[in-house]
Structures are given as C-alpha cells and as structure tokens.
Amino acid sequence: MSVKEDIHNQIVGALEGAKFPIKTPDELFDALPDGPNTTCKSGDVILKASDAGEVLSANDFPFESAEDVASTIVNKAGL
C-alpha cells in the first residue's frame, strides 16, 4: 500500500461515525478523535489534522463523506 493510500485510509477511519455534511474547519476538527492533534503516520510521513487544515480552503467545504475529506487532503498535501 502506498503512503497516499495508507494516509487516505487512516483519515477515513478517523472520521468513522462523523456526521456529514461537514461545513467548516471547526466541524472537521470536532469530528476527529483528537481534534487538530489527530495524527496519521505512514513510513516517514506524519500528517497532523492541524497541518491538513492549512491546505484546505473555504472552497473545499462542505464535505459530504469521509472519502471526500480524505481524497481532498491527500491530494492537496501532495502525497
């Protein structure tokens, strides 16, 4: 599994049970188990939710699913 796939799967897992749509960065952080400190790791790559928040813009919201969140973050983070 590639780093991109691994991080994507971890984000989807972290958002299991979240209520969608997620309309703001604060709602996204609230949906994560450790808020902005939620961390995904794969090999040497470490991605904190607070880091992901820096690559998202208002135009990325609302998110309709965990898959949507994960795909947007891994693509914008350049993984």
PDB file of N, CA and C in Angstrom:
ATOM      1  N   MET A   1       0.844  -1.174   0.000  1.00  0.00           N
ATOM      2  CA  MET A   1       0.000   0.000   0.000  1.00  0.00           C
ATOM      3  C   MET A   1       0.895   1.245   0.000  1.00  0.00           C
ATOM      4  N   SER A   2       0.551   2.211  -0.821  1.00  0.00           N
ATOM      5  CA  SER A   2       1.347   3.434  -0.897  1.00  0.00           C
ATOM      6  C   SER A   2       1.065   4.322   0.312  1.00  0.00           C
ATOM      7  N   VAL A   3       1.945   5.286   0.544  1.00  0.00           N
ATOM      8  CA  VAL A   3       1.762   6.246   1.633  1.00  0.00           C
ATOM      9  C   VAL A   3       0.439   6.983   1.447  1.00  0.00           C
ATOM     10  N   LYS A   4       0.155   7.387   0.213  1.00  0.00           N
ATOM     11  CA  LYS A   4      -1.084   8.118  -0.077  1.00  0.00           C
ATOM     12  C   LYS A   4      -2.312   7.276   0.303  1.00  0.00           C
ATOM     13  N   GLU A   5      -2.314   6.008  -0.087  1.00  0.00           N
ATOM     14  CA  GLU A   5      -3.442   5.124   0.232  1.00  0.00           C
ATOM     15  C   GLU A   5      -3.557   4.898   1.737  1.00  0.00           C
ATOM     16  N   ASP A   6      -2.417   4.731   2.390  1.00  0.00           N
ATOM     17  CA  ASP A   6      -2.404   4.477   3.821  1.00  0.00           C
ATOM     18  C   ASP A   6      -2.963   5.675   4.598  1.00  0.00           C
ATOM     19  N   ILE A   7      -2.475   6.866   4.280  1.00  0.00           N
ATOM     20  CA  ILE A   7      -2.966   8.083   4.948  1.00  0.00           C
ATOM     21  C   ILE A   7      -4.448   8.281   4.645  1.00  0.00           C
ATOM     22  N   HIS A   8      -4.842   8.062   3.396  1.00  0.00           N
ATOM     23  CA  HIS A   8      -6.251   8.185   2.995  1.00  0.00           C
ATOM     24  C   HIS A   8      -7.118   7.274   3.867  1.00  0.00           C
ATOM     25  N   ASN A   9      -6.712   6.026   4.005  1.00  0.00           N
ATOM     26  CA  ASN A   9      -7.475   5.059   4.798  1.00  0.00           C
ATOM     27  C   ASN A   9      -7.528   5.447   6.274  1.00  0.00           C
ATOM     28  N   GLN A  10      -6.444   6.006   6.787  1.00  0.00           N
ATOM     29  CA  GLN A  10      -6.425   6.433   8.182  1.00  0.00           C
ATOM     30  C   GLN A  10      -7.383   7.602   8.418  1.00  0.00           C
ATOM     31  N   ILE A  11      -7.443   8.529   7.474  1.00  0.00           N
ATOM     32  CA  ILE A  11      -8.369   9.662   7.590  1.00  0.00           C
ATOM     33  C   ILE A  11      -9.808   9.158   7.564  1.00  0.00           C
ATOM     34  N   VAL A  12     -10.108   8.265   6.619  1.00  0.00           N
ATOM     35  CA  VAL A  12     -11.462   7.698   6.539  1.00  0.00           C
ATOM     36  C   VAL A  12     -11.812   7.016   7.858  1.00  0.00           C
ATOM     37  N   GLY A  13     -10.876   6.248   8.410  1.00  0.00           N
ATOM     38  CA  GLY A  13     -11.115   5.569   9.677  1.00  0.00           C
ATOM     39  C   GLY A  13     -11.334   6.535  10.831  1.00  0.00           C
ATOM     40  N   ALA A  14     -10.569   7.618  10.834  1.00  0.00           N
ATOM     41  CA  ALA A  14     -10.690   8.611  11.903  1.00  0.00           C
ATOM     42  C   ALA A  14     -12.047   9.301  11.873  1.00  0.00           C
ATOM     43  N   LEU A  15     -12.649   9.365  10.699  1.00  0.00           N
ATOM     44  CA  LEU A  15     -13.939  10.041  10.548  1.00  0.00           C
ATOM     45  C   LEU A  15     -15.122   9.080  10.605  1.00  0.00           C
ATOM     46  N   GLU A  16     -14.862   7.828  10.960  1.00  0.00           N
ATOM     47  CA  GLU A  16     -15.945   6.866  11.085  1.00  0.00           C
ATOM     48  C   GLU A  16     -16.923   7.359  12.153  1.00  0.00           C
ATOM     49  N   GLY A  17     -18.161   7.417  11.796  1.00  0.00           N
ATOM     50  CA  GLY A  17     -19.185   7.876  12.731  1.00  0.00           C
ATOM     51  C   GLY A  17     -19.420   9.381  12.709  1.00  0.00           C
ATOM     52  N   ALA A  18     -18.636  10.117  11.923  1.00  0.00           N
ATOM     53  CA  ALA A  18     -18.834  11.574  11.835  1.00  0.00           C
ATOM     54  C   ALA A  18     -20.145  11.882  11.123  1.00  0.00           C
ATOM     55  N   LYS A  19     -20.737  12.997  11.471  1.00  0.00           N
ATOM     56  CA  LYS A  19     -21.982  13.421  10.829  1.00  0.00           C
ATOM     57  C   LYS A  19     -21.655  14.369   9.686  1.00  0.00           C
ATOM     58  N   PHE A  20     -22.189  14.058   8.536  1.00  0.00           N
ATOM     59  CA  PHE A  20     -21.962  14.865   7.338  1.00  0.00           C
ATOM     60  C   PHE A  20     -23.270  15.509   6.917  1.00  0.00           C
ATOM     61  N   PRO A  21     -23.243  16.638   6.232  1.00  0.00           N
ATOM     62  CA  PRO A  21     -22.045  17.311   5.720  1.00  0.00           C
ATOM     63  C   PRO A  21     -21.273  18.033   6.822  1.00  0.00           C
ATOM     64  N   ILE A  22     -19.979  18.159   6.583  1.00  0.00           N
ATOM     65  CA  ILE A  22     -19.104  18.955   7.447  1.00  0.00           C
ATOM     66  C   ILE A  22     -18.876  20.263   6.706  1.00  0.00           C
ATOM     67  N   LYS A  23     -19.285  21.360   7.329  1.00  0.00           N
ATOM     68  CA  LYS A  23     -19.338  22.645   6.634  1.00  0.00           C
ATOM     69  C   LYS A  23     -18.184  23.595   6.924  1.00  0.00           C
ATOM     70  N   THR A  24     -17.435  23.350   8.014  1.00  0.00           N
ATOM     71  CA  THR A  24     -16.358  24.276   8.391  1.00  0.00           C
ATOM     72  C   THR A  24     -15.149  23.505   8.916  1.00  0.00           C
ATOM     73  N   PRO A  25     -13.989  24.174   8.947  1.00  0.00           N
ATOM     74  CA  PRO A  25     -12.814  23.525   9.542  1.00  0.00           C
ATOM     75  C   PRO A  25     -13.055  23.126  11.001  1.00  0.00           C
ATOM     76  N   ASP A  26     -13.756  23.960  11.759  1.00  0.00           N
ATOM     77  CA  ASP A  26     -14.031  23.621  13.158  1.00  0.00           C
ATOM     78  C   ASP A  26     -14.873  22.355  13.264  1.00  0.00           C
ATOM     79  N   GLU A  27     -15.864  22.203  12.393  1.00  0.00           N
ATOM     80  CA  GLU A  27     -16.674  20.981  12.390  1.00  0.00           C
ATOM     81  C   GLU A  27     -15.815  19.777  12.050  1.00  0.00           C
ATOM     82  N   LEU A  28     -14.864  19.963  11.140  1.00  0.00           N
ATOM     83  CA  LEU A  28     -13.970  18.862  10.764  1.00  0.00           C
ATOM     84  C   LEU A  28     -13.103  18.463  11.953  1.00  0.00           C
ATOM     85  N   PHE A  29     -12.501  19.441  12.633  1.00  0.00           N
ATOM     86  CA  PHE A  29     -11.684  19.132  13.807  1.00  0.00           C
ATOM     87  C   PHE A  29     -12.520  18.455  14.888  1.00  0.00           C
ATOM     88  N   ASP A  30     -13.754  18.926  15.082  1.00  0.00           N
ATOM     89  CA  ASP A  30     -14.639  18.333  16.092  1.00  0.00           C
ATOM     90  C   ASP A  30     -14.987  16.885  15.770  1.00  0.00           C
ATOM     91  N   ALA A  31     -14.994  16.531  14.491  1.00  0.00           N
ATOM     92  CA  ALA A  31     -15.351  15.174  14.065  1.00  0.00           C
ATOM     93  C   ALA A  31     -14.199  14.182  14.240  1.00  0.00           C
ATOM     94  N   LEU A  32     -12.993  14.680  14.413  1.00  0.00           N
ATOM     95  CA  LEU A  32     -11.816  13.818  14.547  1.00  0.00           C
ATOM     96  C   LEU A  32     -11.598  13.426  16.003  1.00  0.00           C
ATOM     97  N   PRO A  33     -11.082  12.216  16.246  1.00  0.00           N
ATOM     98  CA  PRO A  33     -10.953  11.712  17.616  1.00  0.00           C
ATOM     99  C   PRO A  33     -10.102  12.597  18.533  1.00  0.00           C
ATOM    100  N   ASP A  34      -9.023  13.171  18.029  1.00  0.00           N
ATOM    101  CA  ASP A  34      -8.150  14.038  18.827  1.00  0.00           C
ATOM    102  C   ASP A  34      -8.138  15.459  18.290  1.00  0.00           C
ATOM    103  N   GLY A  35      -9.219  15.833  17.608  1.00  0.00           N
ATOM    104  CA  GLY A  35      -9.314  17.191  17.062  1.00  0.00           C
ATOM    105  C   GLY A  35      -8.141  17.504  16.163  1.00  0.00           C
ATOM    106  N   PRO A  36      -7.609  18.738  16.270  1.00  0.00           N
ATOM    107  CA  PRO A  36      -6.494  19.129  15.400  1.00  0.00           C
ATOM    108  C   PRO A  36      -5.212  18.349  15.667  1.00  0.00           C
ATOM    109  N   ASN A  37      -5.156  17.633  16.777  1.00  0.00           N
ATOM    110  CA  ASN A  37      -3.972  16.824  17.095  1.00  0.00           C
ATOM    111  C   ASN A  37      -4.057  15.411  16.547  1.00  0.00           C
ATOM    112  N   THR A  38      -5.156  15.059  15.886  1.00  0.00           N
ATOM    113  CA  THR A  38      -5.276  13.743  15.260  1.00  0.00           C
ATOM    114  C   THR A  38      -4.129  13.597  14.263  1.00  0.00           C
ATOM    115  N   THR A  39      -3.419  12.479  14.335  1.00  0.00           N
ATOM    116  CA  THR A  39      -2.220  12.287  13.520  1.00  0.00           C
ATOM    117  C   THR A  39      -2.298  10.987  12.726  1.00  0.00           C
ATOM    118  N   CYS A  40      -1.941  11.093  11.452  1.00  0.00           N
ATOM    119  CA  CYS A  40      -1.827   9.917  10.579  1.00  0.00           C
ATOM    120  C   CYS A  40      -0.345   9.731  10.270  1.00  0.00           C
ATOM    121  N   LYS A  41       0.111   8.465  10.283  1.00  0.00           N
ATOM    122  CA  LYS A  41       1.520   8.165  10.018  1.00  0.00           C
ATOM    123  C   LYS A  41       1.621   7.027   9.015  1.00  0.00           C
ATOM    124  N   SER A  42       2.548   7.167   8.099  1.00  0.00           N
ATOM    125  CA  SER A  42       2.855   6.098   7.157  1.00  0.00           C
ATOM    126  C   SER A  42       4.325   6.227   6.765  1.00  0.00           C
ATOM    127  N   GLY A  43       5.122   5.255   7.141  1.00  0.00           N
ATOM    128  CA  GLY A  43       6.555   5.347   6.860  1.00  0.00           C
ATOM    129  C   GLY A  43       7.118   6.572   7.562  1.00  0.00           C
ATOM    130  N   ASP A  44       7.795   7.419   6.798  1.00  0.00           N
ATOM    131  CA  ASP A  44       8.383   8.645   7.346  1.00  0.00           C
ATOM    132  C   ASP A  44       7.424   9.827   7.304  1.00  0.00           C
ATOM    133  N   VAL A  45       6.240   9.635   6.759  1.00  0.00           N
ATOM    134  CA  VAL A  45       5.285  10.726   6.601  1.00  0.00           C
ATOM    135  C   VAL A  45       4.375  10.806   7.820  1.00  0.00           C
ATOM    136  N   ILE A  46       4.310  12.002   8.401  1.00  0.00           N
ATOM    137  CA  ILE A  46       3.415  12.269   9.528  1.00  0.00           C
ATOM    138  C   ILE A  46       2.553  13.452   9.127  1.00  0.00           C
ATOM    139  N   LEU A  47       1.237  13.264   9.221  1.00  0.00           N
ATOM    140  CA  LEU A  47       0.294  14.315   8.840  1.00  0.00           C
ATOM    141  C   LEU A  47      -0.674  14.545   9.993  1.00  0.00           C
ATOM    142  N   LYS A  48      -0.566  15.729  10.600  1.00  0.00           N
ATOM    143  CA  LYS A  48      -1.498  16.087  11.667  1.00  0.00           C
ATOM    144  C   LYS A  48      -2.695  16.802  11.051  1.00  0.00           C
ATOM    145  N   ALA A  49      -3.832  16.676  11.698  1.00  0.00           N
ATOM    146  CA  ALA A  49      -5.034  17.344  11.203  1.00  0.00           C
ATOM    147  C   ALA A  49      -4.810  18.851  11.123  1.00  0.00           C
ATOM    148  N   SER A  50      -4.062  19.403  12.064  1.00  0.00           N
ATOM    149  CA  SER A  50      -3.795  20.844  12.019  1.00  0.00           C
ATOM    150  C   SER A  50      -2.992  21.212  10.768  1.00  0.00           C
ATOM    151  N   ASP A  51      -2.100  20.317  10.318  1.00  0.00           N
ATOM    152  CA  ASP A  51      -1.354  20.547   9.072  1.00  0.00           C
ATOM    153  C   ASP A  51      -2.301  20.484   7.877  1.00  0.00           C
ATOM    154  N   ALA A  52      -3.198  19.509   7.905  1.00  0.00           N
ATOM    155  CA  ALA A  52      -4.157  19.365   6.811  1.00  0.00           C
ATOM    156  C   ALA A  52      -5.052  20.592   6.739  1.00  0.00           C
ATOM    157  N   GLY A  53      -5.379  21.145   7.898  1.00  0.00           N
ATOM    158  CA  GLY A  53      -6.200  22.347   7.929  1.00  0.00           C
ATOM    159  C   GLY A  53      -5.573  23.506   7.187  1.00  0.00           C
ATOM    160  N   GLU A  54      -4.260  23.516   7.097  1.00  0.00           N
ATOM    161  CA  GLU A  54      -3.556  24.594   6.405  1.00  0.00           C
ATOM    162  C   GLU A  54      -3.672  24.484   4.884  1.00  0.00           C
ATOM    163  N   VAL A  55      -3.937  23.289   4.362  1.00  0.00           N
ATOM    164  CA  VAL A  55      -4.038  23.132   2.906  1.00  0.00           C
ATOM    165  C   VAL A  55      -5.471  23.250   2.404  1.00  0.00           C
ATOM    166  N   LEU A  56      -6.429  23.226   3.328  1.00  0.00           N
ATOM    167  CA  LEU A  56      -7.835  23.336   2.929  1.00  0.00           C
ATOM    168  C   LEU A  56      -8.245  24.797   2.840  1.00  0.00           C
ATOM    169  N   SER A  57      -9.165  25.073   1.920  1.00  0.00           N
ATOM    170  CA  SER A  57      -9.701  26.425   1.791  1.00  0.00           C
ATOM    171  C   SER A  57     -11.211  26.383   1.967  1.00  0.00           C
ATOM    172  N   ALA A  58     -11.819  27.539   2.095  1.00  0.00           N
ATOM    173  CA  ALA A  58     -13.275  27.619   2.252  1.00  0.00           C
ATOM    174  C   ALA A  58     -13.988  26.952   1.083  1.00  0.00           C
ATOM    175  N   ASN A  59     -13.359  26.961  -0.092  1.00  0.00           N
ATOM    176  CA  ASN A  59     -13.964  26.366  -1.283  1.00  0.00           C
ATOM    177  C   ASN A  59     -14.046  24.844  -1.216  1.00  0.00           C
ATOM    178  N   ASP A  60     -13.282  24.218  -0.303  1.00  0.00           N
ATOM    179  CA  ASP A  60     -13.300  22.761  -0.168  1.00  0.00           C
ATOM    180  C   ASP A  60     -14.530  22.269   0.593  1.00  0.00           C
ATOM    181  N   PHE A  61     -15.162  23.156   1.313  1.00  0.00           N
ATOM    182  CA  PHE A  61     -16.327  22.797   2.131  1.00  0.00           C
ATOM    183  C   PHE A  61     -17.607  23.081   1.375  1.00  0.00           C
ATOM    184  N   PRO A  62     -18.688  22.364   1.646  1.00  0.00           N
ATOM    185  CA  PRO A  62     -18.823  21.306   2.642  1.00  0.00           C
ATOM    186  C   PRO A  62     -18.306  19.972   2.116  1.00  0.00           C
ATOM    187  N   PHE A  63     -17.929  19.110   3.055  1.00  0.00           N
ATOM    188  CA  PHE A  63     -17.566  17.737   2.730  1.00  0.00           C
ATOM    189  C   PHE A  63     -18.792  16.868   2.962  1.00  0.00           C
ATOM    190  N   GLU A  64     -19.032  15.958   2.022  1.00  0.00           N
ATOM    191  CA  GLU A  64     -20.218  15.104   2.090  1.00  0.00           C
ATOM    192  C   GLU A  64     -19.939  13.713   2.640  1.00  0.00           C
ATOM    193  N   SER A  65     -18.638  13.326   2.740  1.00  0.00           N
ATOM    194  CA  SER A  65     -18.296  11.991   3.228  1.00  0.00           C
ATOM    195  C   SER A  65     -16.847  11.973   3.705  1.00  0.00           C
ATOM    196  N   ALA A  66     -16.511  10.933   4.459  1.00  0.00           N
ATOM    197  CA  ALA A  66     -15.132  10.749   4.911  1.00  0.00           C
ATOM    198  C   ALA A  66     -14.200  10.552   3.717  1.00  0.00           C
ATOM    199  N   GLU A  67     -14.679   9.845   2.691  1.00  0.00           N
ATOM    200  CA  GLU A  67     -13.886   9.648   1.470  1.00  0.00           C
ATOM    201  C   GLU A  67     -13.548  10.987   0.824  1.00  0.00           C
ATOM    202  N   ASP A  68     -14.524  11.887   0.803  1.00  0.00           N
ATOM    203  CA  ASP A  68     -14.346  13.223   0.226  1.00  0.00           C
ATOM    204  C   ASP A  68     -13.260  13.989   0.986  1.00  0.00           C
ATOM    205  N   VAL A  69     -13.323  13.942   2.319  1.00  0.00           N
ATOM    206  CA  VAL A  69     -12.318  14.619   3.147  1.00  0.00           C
ATOM    207  C   VAL A  69     -10.940  14.036   2.870  1.00  0.00           C
ATOM    208  N   ALA A  70     -10.826  12.713   2.925  1.00  0.00           N
ATOM    209  CA  ALA A  70      -9.533  12.050   2.750  1.00  0.00           C
ATOM    210  C   ALA A  70      -8.923  12.332   1.378  1.00  0.00           C
ATOM    211  N   SER A  71      -9.728  12.220   0.336  1.00  0.00           N
ATOM    212  CA  SER A  71      -9.205  12.463  -1.018  1.00  0.00           C
ATOM    213  C   SER A  71      -8.720  13.896  -1.181  1.00  0.00           C
ATOM    214  N   THR A  72      -9.479  14.834  -0.660  1.00  0.00           N
ATOM    215  CA  THR A  72      -9.096  16.247  -0.777  1.00  0.00           C
ATOM    216  C   THR A  72      -7.788  16.512  -0.021  1.00  0.00           C
ATOM    217  N   ILE A  73      -7.678  16.004   1.191  1.00  0.00           N
ATOM    218  CA  ILE A  73      -6.474  16.257   1.984  1.00  0.00           C
ATOM    219  C   ILE A  73      -5.241  15.628   1.365  1.00  0.00           C
ATOM    220  N   VAL A  74      -5.300  14.361   0.972  1.00  0.00           N
ATOM    221  CA  VAL A  74      -4.098  13.718   0.419  1.00  0.00           C
ATOM    222  C   VAL A  74      -3.692  14.357  -0.897  1.00  0.00           C
ATOM    223  N   ASN A  75      -4.657  14.796  -1.693  1.00  0.00           N
ATOM    224  CA  ASN A  75      -4.309  15.459  -2.949  1.00  0.00           C
ATOM    225  C   ASN A  75      -3.709  16.830  -2.724  1.00  0.00           C
ATOM    226  N   LYS A  76      -4.291  17.615  -1.829  1.00  0.00           N
ATOM    227  CA  LYS A  76      -3.784  18.957  -1.575  1.00  0.00           C
ATOM    228  C   LYS A  76      -2.467  18.943  -0.792  1.00  0.00           C
ATOM    229  N   ALA A  77      -2.235  17.881  -0.016  1.00  0.00           N
ATOM    230  CA  ALA A  77      -0.987  17.768   0.747  1.00  0.00           C
ATOM    231  C   ALA A  77       0.146  17.251  -0.132  1.00  0.00           C
ATOM    232  N   GLY A  78      -0.173  16.871  -1.352  1.00  0.00           N
ATOM    233  CA  GLY A  78       0.845  16.412  -2.288  1.00  0.00           C
ATOM    234  C   GLY A  78       1.392  15.032  -1.983  1.00  0.00           C
ATOM    235  N   LEU A  79       0.573  14.194  -1.375  1.00  0.00           N
ATOM    236  CA  LEU A  79       1.037  12.830  -1.046  1.00  0.00           C
ATOM    237  C   LEU A  79       0.933  11.921  -2.248  1.00  0.00           C
TER     238      LEU A  79
END
